[in-house]
Amino acid sequence: MARKRLEVTRTPEEHESLSTSVAHGHQSARESNRARIFLLAPDGHTDADIAQVLGVSHDTSSKLRKKYHHKGDQPSLEV
């Protein structure tokens, strides 16, 4: 039986903040990857899709999505 994918949502303000963060590149590679995952996840991409596009492990995307849900649905680059 397939697992239910944990949904990630973001407000337009969060999207703008994450996009700006990625565009300026003034953070660590880890924070940049997290921002990119948060940008792709709400658009219906699976963890496997995100991992392939960003060159990270499936586990990275999956764990970040889980942490997002445990933190109260706030995309934080410090999770």
PDB file of N, CA and C in Angstrom:
ATOM      1  N   MET A   1       0.838  -1.176   0.000  1.00  0.00           N
ATOM      2  CA  MET A   1       0.000   0.000   0.000  1.00  0.00           C
ATOM      3  C   MET A   1       0.890   1.248   0.000  1.00  0.00           C
ATOM      4  N   ALA A   2       0.550   2.196  -0.835  1.00  0.00           N
ATOM      5  CA  ALA A   2       1.339   3.422  -0.964  1.00  0.00           C
ATOM      6  C   ALA A   2       1.117   4.326   0.247  1.00  0.00           C
ATOM      7  N   ARG A   3       2.181   4.998   0.635  1.00  0.00           N
ATOM      8  CA  ARG A   3       2.082   5.942   1.743  1.00  0.00           C
ATOM      9  C   ARG A   3       1.458   7.237   1.263  1.00  0.00           C
ATOM     10  N   LYS A   4       0.776   7.898   2.179  1.00  0.00           N
ATOM     11  CA  LYS A   4       0.222   9.213   1.863  1.00  0.00           C
ATOM     12  C   LYS A   4       1.360  10.231   1.904  1.00  0.00           C
ATOM     13  N   ARG A   5       1.445  11.032   0.864  1.00  0.00           N
ATOM     14  CA  ARG A   5       2.487  12.062   0.805  1.00  0.00           C
ATOM     15  C   ARG A   5       2.102  13.211   1.718  1.00  0.00           C
ATOM     16  N   LEU A   6       3.047  13.659   2.528  1.00  0.00           N
ATOM     17  CA  LEU A   6       2.812  14.797   3.407  1.00  0.00           C
ATOM     18  C   LEU A   6       2.802  16.063   2.563  1.00  0.00           C
ATOM     19  N   GLU A   7       1.726  16.810   2.668  1.00  0.00           N
ATOM     20  CA  GLU A   7       1.578  18.019   1.867  1.00  0.00           C
ATOM     21  C   GLU A   7       2.357  19.181   2.476  1.00  0.00           C
ATOM     22  N   VAL A   8       2.900  19.992   1.617  1.00  0.00           N
ATOM     23  CA  VAL A   8       3.603  21.201   2.021  1.00  0.00           C
ATOM     24  C   VAL A   8       2.886  22.367   1.356  1.00  0.00           C
ATOM     25  N   THR A   9       2.541  23.360   2.160  1.00  0.00           N
ATOM     26  CA  THR A   9       1.887  24.554   1.616  1.00  0.00           C
ATOM     27  C   THR A   9       2.752  25.768   1.937  1.00  0.00           C
ATOM     28  N   ARG A  10       2.531  26.812   1.190  1.00  0.00           N
ATOM     29  CA  ARG A  10       3.256  28.053   1.463  1.00  0.00           C
ATOM     30  C   ARG A  10       2.405  29.231   1.002  1.00  0.00           C
ATOM     31  N   THR A  11       2.586  30.336   1.668  1.00  0.00           N
ATOM     32  CA  THR A  11       1.878  31.557   1.303  1.00  0.00           C
ATOM     33  C   THR A  11       2.667  32.250   0.190  1.00  0.00           C
ATOM     34  N   PRO A  12       2.045  33.188  -0.500  1.00  0.00           N
ATOM     35  CA  PRO A  12       2.795  33.943  -1.517  1.00  0.00           C
ATOM     36  C   PRO A  12       4.013  34.659  -0.913  1.00  0.00           C
ATOM     37  N   GLU A  13       3.879  35.117   0.321  1.00  0.00           N
ATOM     38  CA  GLU A  13       4.997  35.796   0.982  1.00  0.00           C
ATOM     39  C   GLU A  13       6.145  34.814   1.248  1.00  0.00           C
ATOM     40  N   GLU A  14       5.800  33.596   1.676  1.00  0.00           N
ATOM     41  CA  GLU A  14       6.826  32.573   1.913  1.00  0.00           C
ATOM     42  C   GLU A  14       7.513  32.200   0.602  1.00  0.00           C
ATOM     43  N   HIS A  15       6.714  32.083  -0.460  1.00  0.00           N
ATOM     44  CA  HIS A  15       7.278  31.759  -1.769  1.00  0.00           C
ATOM     45  C   HIS A  15       8.270  32.839  -2.196  1.00  0.00           C
ATOM     46  N   GLU A  16       7.882  34.088  -2.035  1.00  0.00           N
ATOM     47  CA  GLU A  16       8.756  35.200  -2.415  1.00  0.00           C
ATOM     48  C   GLU A  16      10.038  35.197  -1.585  1.00  0.00           C
ATOM     49  N   SER A  17       9.900  34.963  -0.293  1.00  0.00           N
ATOM     50  CA  SER A  17      11.062  34.936   0.598  1.00  0.00           C
ATOM     51  C   SER A  17      12.018  33.801   0.224  1.00  0.00           C
ATOM     52  N   LEU A  18      11.460  32.614  -0.041  1.00  0.00           N
ATOM     53  CA  LEU A  18      12.299  31.472  -0.415  1.00  0.00           C
ATOM     54  C   LEU A  18      12.965  31.709  -1.772  1.00  0.00           C
ATOM     55  N   SER A  19      12.211  32.258  -2.721  1.00  0.00           N
ATOM     56  CA  SER A  19      12.766  32.546  -4.049  1.00  0.00           C
ATOM     57  C   SER A  19      13.906  33.550  -3.965  1.00  0.00           C
ATOM     58  N   THR A  20      13.711  34.585  -3.162  1.00  0.00           N
ATOM     59  CA  THR A  20      14.747  35.601  -2.982  1.00  0.00           C
ATOM     60  C   THR A  20      15.982  34.994  -2.326  1.00  0.00           C
ATOM     61  N   SER A  21      15.747  34.146  -1.343  1.00  0.00           N
ATOM     62  CA  SER A  21      16.847  33.482  -0.639  1.00  0.00           C
ATOM     63  C   SER A  21      17.695  32.657  -1.603  1.00  0.00           C
ATOM     64  N   VAL A  22      17.047  31.914  -2.469  1.00  0.00           N
ATOM     65  CA  VAL A  22      17.756  31.080  -3.442  1.00  0.00           C
ATOM     66  C   VAL A  22      18.473  31.947  -4.472  1.00  0.00           C
ATOM     67  N   ALA A  23      17.807  32.990  -4.928  1.00  0.00           N
ATOM     68  CA  ALA A  23      18.375  33.845  -5.970  1.00  0.00           C
ATOM     69  C   ALA A  23      19.621  34.591  -5.499  1.00  0.00           C
ATOM     70  N   HIS A  24      19.632  35.018  -4.258  1.00  0.00           N
ATOM     71  CA  HIS A  24      20.764  35.793  -3.743  1.00  0.00           C
ATOM     72  C   HIS A  24      21.933  34.913  -3.341  1.00  0.00           C
ATOM     73  N   GLY A  25      21.666  33.676  -2.954  1.00  0.00           N
ATOM     74  CA  GLY A  25      22.734  32.735  -2.639  1.00  0.00           C
ATOM     75  C   GLY A  25      23.593  33.112  -1.448  1.00  0.00           C
ATOM     76  N   HIS A  26      23.019  33.802  -0.480  1.00  0.00           N
ATOM     77  CA  HIS A  26      23.786  34.230   0.685  1.00  0.00           C
ATOM     78  C   HIS A  26      23.599  33.284   1.862  1.00  0.00           C
ATOM     79  N   GLN A  27      23.480  31.998   1.593  1.00  0.00           N
ATOM     80  CA  GLN A  27      23.337  31.021   2.655  1.00  0.00           C
ATOM     81  C   GLN A  27      24.124  29.775   2.316  1.00  0.00           C
ATOM     82  N   SER A  28      24.161  28.866   3.250  1.00  0.00           N
ATOM     83  CA  SER A  28      24.903  27.633   3.032  1.00  0.00           C
ATOM     84  C   SER A  28      24.205  26.778   1.978  1.00  0.00           C
ATOM     85  N   ALA A  29      24.922  25.804   1.458  1.00  0.00           N
ATOM     86  CA  ALA A  29      24.347  24.888   0.470  1.00  0.00           C
ATOM     87  C   ALA A  29      23.161  24.142   1.071  1.00  0.00           C
ATOM     88  N   ARG A  30      23.256  23.804   2.348  1.00  0.00           N
ATOM     89  CA  ARG A  30      22.161  23.102   3.024  1.00  0.00           C
ATOM     90  C   ARG A  30      20.903  23.962   3.037  1.00  0.00           C
ATOM     91  N   GLU A  31      21.032  25.223   3.420  1.00  0.00           N
ATOM     92  CA  GLU A  31      19.874  26.119   3.454  1.00  0.00           C
ATOM     93  C   GLU A  31      19.321  26.357   2.052  1.00  0.00           C
ATOM     94  N   SER A  32      20.199  26.452   1.082  1.00  0.00           N
ATOM     95  CA  SER A  32      19.769  26.651  -0.298  1.00  0.00           C
ATOM     96  C   SER A  32      18.968  25.445  -0.794  1.00  0.00           C
ATOM     97  N   ASN A  33      19.447  24.242  -0.507  1.00  0.00           N
ATOM     98  CA  ASN A  33      18.717  23.030  -0.899  1.00  0.00           C
ATOM     99  C   ASN A  33      17.371  22.944  -0.196  1.00  0.00           C
ATOM    100  N   ARG A  34      17.340  23.315   1.079  1.00  0.00           N
ATOM    101  CA  ARG A  34      16.076  23.294   1.818  1.00  0.00           C
ATOM    102  C   ARG A  34      15.087  24.265   1.196  1.00  0.00           C
ATOM    103  N   ALA A  35      15.547  25.454   0.849  1.00  0.00           N
ATOM    104  CA  ALA A  35      14.663  26.439   0.217  1.00  0.00           C
ATOM    105  C   ALA A  35      14.133  25.895  -1.113  1.00  0.00           C
ATOM    106  N   ARG A  36      14.996  25.286  -1.888  1.00  0.00           N
ATOM    107  CA  ARG A  36      14.569  24.729  -3.182  1.00  0.00           C
ATOM    108  C   ARG A  36      13.549  23.603  -2.988  1.00  0.00           C
ATOM    109  N   ILE A  37      13.758  22.773  -1.968  1.00  0.00           N
ATOM    110  CA  ILE A  37      12.796  21.704  -1.680  1.00  0.00           C
ATOM    111  C   ILE A  37      11.451  22.316  -1.310  1.00  0.00           C
ATOM    112  N   PHE A  38      11.450  23.345  -0.447  1.00  0.00           N
ATOM    113  CA  PHE A  38      10.201  24.002  -0.069  1.00  0.00           C
ATOM    114  C   PHE A  38       9.537  24.688  -1.253  1.00  0.00           C
ATOM    115  N   LEU A  39      10.300  25.096  -2.246  1.00  0.00           N
ATOM    116  CA  LEU A  39       9.711  25.704  -3.438  1.00  0.00           C
ATOM    117  C   LEU A  39       9.081  24.654  -4.351  1.00  0.00           C
ATOM    118  N   LEU A  40       9.665  23.475  -4.429  1.00  0.00           N
ATOM    119  CA  LEU A  40       9.158  22.431  -5.325  1.00  0.00           C
ATOM    120  C   LEU A  40       8.045  21.582  -4.705  1.00  0.00           C
ATOM    121  N   ALA A  41       8.108  21.345  -3.412  1.00  0.00           N
ATOM    122  CA  ALA A  41       7.185  20.416  -2.758  1.00  0.00           C
ATOM    123  C   ALA A  41       5.706  20.771  -2.921  1.00  0.00           C
ATOM    124  N   PRO A  42       5.297  22.027  -2.760  1.00  0.00           N
ATOM    125  CA  PRO A  42       3.874  22.339  -2.879  1.00  0.00           C
ATOM    126  C   PRO A  42       3.326  22.202  -4.300  1.00  0.00           C
ATOM    127  N   ASP A  43       4.185  22.125  -5.277  1.00  0.00           N
ATOM    128  CA  ASP A  43       3.732  22.041  -6.667  1.00  0.00           C
ATOM    129  C   ASP A  43       3.417  20.616  -7.096  1.00  0.00           C
ATOM    130  N   GLY A  44       3.327  19.697  -6.142  1.00  0.00           N
ATOM    131  CA  GLY A  44       2.939  18.331  -6.442  1.00  0.00           C
ATOM    132  C   GLY A  44       4.078  17.402  -6.800  1.00  0.00           C
ATOM    133  N   HIS A  45       5.304  17.863  -6.687  1.00  0.00           N
ATOM    134  CA  HIS A  45       6.451  17.008  -6.987  1.00  0.00           C
ATOM    135  C   HIS A  45       6.645  15.987  -5.868  1.00  0.00           C
ATOM    136  N   THR A  46       6.990  14.784  -6.227  1.00  0.00           N
ATOM    137  CA  THR A  46       7.263  13.755  -5.232  1.00  0.00           C
ATOM    138  C   THR A  46       8.671  13.952  -4.678  1.00  0.00           C
ATOM    139  N   ASP A  47       8.944  13.281  -3.569  1.00  0.00           N
ATOM    140  CA  ASP A  47      10.285  13.360  -2.992  1.00  0.00           C
ATOM    141  C   ASP A  47      11.328  12.827  -3.978  1.00  0.00           C
ATOM    142  N   ALA A  48      10.977  11.793  -4.714  1.00  0.00           N
ATOM    143  CA  ALA A  48      11.903  11.230  -5.702  1.00  0.00           C
ATOM    144  C   ALA A  48      12.182  12.233  -6.826  1.00  0.00           C
ATOM    145  N   ASP A  49      11.147  12.930  -7.286  1.00  0.00           N
ATOM    146  CA  ASP A  49      11.320  13.955  -8.324  1.00  0.00           C
ATOM    147  C   ASP A  49      12.238  15.064  -7.838  1.00  0.00           C
ATOM    148  N   ILE A  50      11.962  15.537  -6.626  1.00  0.00           N
ATOM    149  CA  ILE A  50      12.755  16.631  -6.049  1.00  0.00           C
ATOM    150  C   ILE A  50      14.209  16.203  -5.901  1.00  0.00           C
ATOM    151  N   ALA A  51      14.409  15.002  -5.393  1.00  0.00           N
ATOM    152  CA  ALA A  51      15.767  14.496  -5.195  1.00  0.00           C
ATOM    153  C   ALA A  51      16.528  14.445  -6.518  1.00  0.00           C
ATOM    154  N   GLN A  52      15.874  13.978  -7.552  1.00  0.00           N
ATOM    155  CA  GLN A  52      16.529  13.875  -8.855  1.00  0.00           C
ATOM    156  C   GLN A  52      16.853  15.259  -9.435  1.00  0.00           C
ATOM    157  N   VAL A  53      15.923  16.175  -9.340  1.00  0.00           N
ATOM    158  CA  VAL A  53      16.121  17.516  -9.894  1.00  0.00           C
ATOM    159  C   VAL A  53      17.237  18.267  -9.161  1.00  0.00           C
ATOM    160  N   LEU A  54      17.256  18.149  -7.828  1.00  0.00           N
ATOM    161  CA  LEU A  54      18.221  18.910  -7.027  1.00  0.00           C
ATOM    162  C   LEU A  54      19.529  18.175  -6.772  1.00  0.00           C
ATOM    163  N   GLY A  55      19.570  16.894  -7.093  1.00  0.00           N
ATOM    164  CA  GLY A  55      20.790  16.132  -6.853  1.00  0.00           C
ATOM    165  C   GLY A  55      21.024  15.843  -5.382  1.00  0.00           C
ATOM    166  N   VAL A  56      19.927  15.693  -4.628  1.00  0.00           N
ATOM    167  CA  VAL A  56      20.013  15.318  -3.222  1.00  0.00           C
ATOM    168  C   VAL A  56      19.407  13.926  -3.067  1.00  0.00           C
ATOM    169  N   SER A  57      19.541  13.348  -1.899  1.00  0.00           N
ATOM    170  CA  SER A  57      18.963  12.018  -1.698  1.00  0.00           C
ATOM    171  C   SER A  57      17.454  12.130  -1.477  1.00  0.00           C
ATOM    172  N   HIS A  58      16.770  11.038  -1.773  1.00  0.00           N
ATOM    173  CA  HIS A  58      15.328  10.959  -1.539  1.00  0.00           C
ATOM    174  C   HIS A  58      15.053  11.198  -0.060  1.00  0.00           C
ATOM    175  N   ASP A  59      15.920  10.677   0.783  1.00  0.00           N
ATOM    176  CA  ASP A  59      15.792  10.813   2.225  1.00  0.00           C
ATOM    177  C   ASP A  59      15.819  12.287   2.654  1.00  0.00           C
ATOM    178  N   THR A  60      16.647  13.091   2.015  1.00  0.00           N
ATOM    179  CA  THR A  60      16.754  14.509   2.351  1.00  0.00           C
ATOM    180  C   THR A  60      15.408  15.197   2.159  1.00  0.00           C
ATOM    181  N   SER A  61      14.800  14.995   1.022  1.00  0.00           N
ATOM    182  CA  SER A  61      13.517  15.611   0.725  1.00  0.00           C
ATOM    183  C   SER A  61      12.426  15.073   1.650  1.00  0.00           C
ATOM    184  N   SER A  62      12.411  13.784   1.850  1.00  0.00           N
ATOM    185  CA  SER A  62      11.401  13.150   2.692  1.00  0.00           C
ATOM    186  C   SER A  62      11.494  13.620   4.140  1.00  0.00           C
ATOM    187  N   LYS A  63      12.703  13.652   4.681  1.00  0.00           N
ATOM    188  CA  LYS A  63      12.883  14.075   6.074  1.00  0.00           C
ATOM    189  C   LYS A  63      12.521  15.540   6.263  1.00  0.00           C
ATOM    190  N   LEU A  64      12.841  16.384   5.298  1.00  0.00           N
ATOM    191  CA  LEU A  64      12.515  17.795   5.407  1.00  0.00           C
ATOM    192  C   LEU A  64      11.000  18.001   5.391  1.00  0.00           C
ATOM    193  N   ARG A  65      10.306  17.251   4.557  1.00  0.00           N
ATOM    194  CA  ARG A  65       8.845  17.327   4.492  1.00  0.00           C
ATOM    195  C   ARG A  65       8.236  16.915   5.845  1.00  0.00           C
ATOM    196  N   LYS A  66       8.795  15.864   6.459  1.00  0.00           N
ATOM    197  CA  LYS A  66       8.308  15.410   7.767  1.00  0.00           C
ATOM    198  C   LYS A  66       8.573  16.457   8.840  1.00  0.00           C
ATOM    199  N   LYS A  67       9.764  17.043   8.836  1.00  0.00           N
ATOM    200  CA  LYS A  67      10.103  18.065   9.825  1.00  0.00           C
ATOM    201  C   LYS A  67       9.183  19.272   9.684  1.00  0.00           C
ATOM    202  N   TYR A  68       8.848  19.609   8.457  1.00  0.00           N
ATOM    203  CA  TYR A  68       7.938  20.722   8.185  1.00  0.00           C
ATOM    204  C   TYR A  68       6.618  20.514   8.917  1.00  0.00           C
ATOM    205  N   HIS A  69       6.088  19.292   8.865  1.00  0.00           N
ATOM    206  CA  HIS A  69       4.814  18.995   9.507  1.00  0.00           C
ATOM    207  C   HIS A  69       4.920  19.004  11.021  1.00  0.00           C
ATOM    208  N   HIS A  70       6.048  18.597  11.550  1.00  0.00           N
ATOM    209  CA  HIS A  70       6.233  18.580  13.002  1.00  0.00           C
ATOM    210  C   HIS A  70       6.514  19.972  13.557  1.00  0.00           C
ATOM    211  N   LYS A  71       6.970  20.885  12.722  1.00  0.00           N
ATOM    212  CA  LYS A  71       7.303  22.238  13.166  1.00  0.00           C
ATOM    213  C   LYS A  71       6.110  23.189  13.072  1.00  0.00           C
ATOM    214  N   GLY A  72       4.970  22.709  12.633  1.00  0.00           N
ATOM    215  CA  GLY A  72       3.807  23.573  12.577  1.00  0.00           C
ATOM    216  C   GLY A  72       3.605  24.253  11.242  1.00  0.00           C
ATOM    217  N   ASP A  73       3.967  23.609  10.164  1.00  0.00           N
ATOM    218  CA  ASP A  73       3.716  24.110   8.809  1.00  0.00           C
ATOM    219  C   ASP A  73       4.348  25.468   8.531  1.00  0.00           C
ATOM    220  N   GLN A  74       5.577  25.653   8.987  1.00  0.00           N
ATOM    221  CA  GLN A  74       6.305  26.878   8.694  1.00  0.00           C
ATOM    222  C   GLN A  74       7.623  26.512   8.028  1.00  0.00           C
ATOM    223  N   PRO A  75       7.762  26.800   6.728  1.00  0.00           N
ATOM    224  CA  PRO A  75       9.035  26.464   6.082  1.00  0.00           C
ATOM    225  C   PRO A  75      10.194  27.199   6.756  1.00  0.00           C
ATOM    226  N   SER A  76      11.017  26.470   7.415  1.00  0.00           N
ATOM    227  CA  SER A  76      12.169  27.066   8.076  1.00  0.00           C
ATOM    228  C   SER A  76      13.428  26.427   7.529  1.00  0.00           C
ATOM    229  N   LEU A  77      14.377  27.249   7.167  1.00  0.00           N
ATOM    230  CA  LEU A  77      15.619  26.726   6.626  1.00  0.00           C
ATOM    231  C   LEU A  77      16.509  26.196   7.723  1.00  0.00           C
ATOM    232  N   GLU A  78      16.122  26.402   8.982  1.00  0.00           N
ATOM    233  CA  GLU A  78      16.926  25.942  10.111  1.00  0.00           C
ATOM    234  C   GLU A  78      16.441  24.638  10.707  1.00  0.00           C
ATOM    235  N   VAL A  79      15.499  23.920  10.082  1.00  0.00           N
ATOM    236  CA  VAL A  79      14.992  22.674  10.674  1.00  0.00           C
ATOM    237  C   VAL A  79      16.029  21.621  10.841  1.00  0.00           C
TER     238      VAL A  79
END
